[in-house]
Amino acid sequence: MVRQVARHRAVPKCVGQVRARPCVGSQPQCRRRPDAHPVAGHAGPRRGRVVNIGSAAATTDFGTQLVYAVSKAGLERFTTGLAAELAGTGVAANCVRVDEALRSEALAAMIGETADPPGTGASPEEFGEAVRWLVDQPTSFTGRVLTFGDLRDLAALATHEGVV
C-alpha cells in the first residue's frame, strides 16, 4: 500500500497491524524512510508539548495493582525515549508523577468524605497550574520525569525568582 505525502513522494504506508502486532515505527515499512515513521509527519516544523501523567506506583510497591504499576513505569520510560526521538524538532516530552493524593470526588468516594478533611492533598487546580508551568517552558526542557512536588517547587521558585 502506498500513500502520497505533502511533497508528492510515494512512501510506504503504516498499515497499523503487521503479524497481529501494532505498528510502532519498528516495522519494516516504517524503517524504509525516515519520513514514513508515524511521528515524522506530526512533528515537522511545529512546536508542541507532550505531558504524560504518571503515578507514584511506578516506583513504589502498589499492592495488588501490578499491571497499573508496570504501565506507569513504562509510561515514564516511554516519555524519556520519546523526548530523545523528538530532540531538535521543537516538541518537548515530559512526565509528571503524581506523588500525593489530589482532592477530588473520586478520592472522596474511595476513602469516604470524612477521611479527606479540608486542607489535605492538592487540588486539581493546583495540579493544573503546575502542569501549565511545565508546558510554558522552552522545548529544551524535555525528557524529564518530575514528581508533582518537584514541579510545584520549580514553578514556585521560578515565580519567586522572576523567571516565569
Foldseek 3Di string as FASTA:
>chain_A
DWDADPVRDTAQALPQADPNDGDQQPDPSNPPDVCNHPCNVVLAQDAEEAEAEAEPLCPDPDDPPVVNNVVRVVVLVVFLVVQVVCPPSNYAGEYEYAYFDEDDPVVCVVPNVVVDDPPGHHYPVLLVVLVVVVRPDGRVPHSYYHYSVRSSVVVVVCVVVVVD
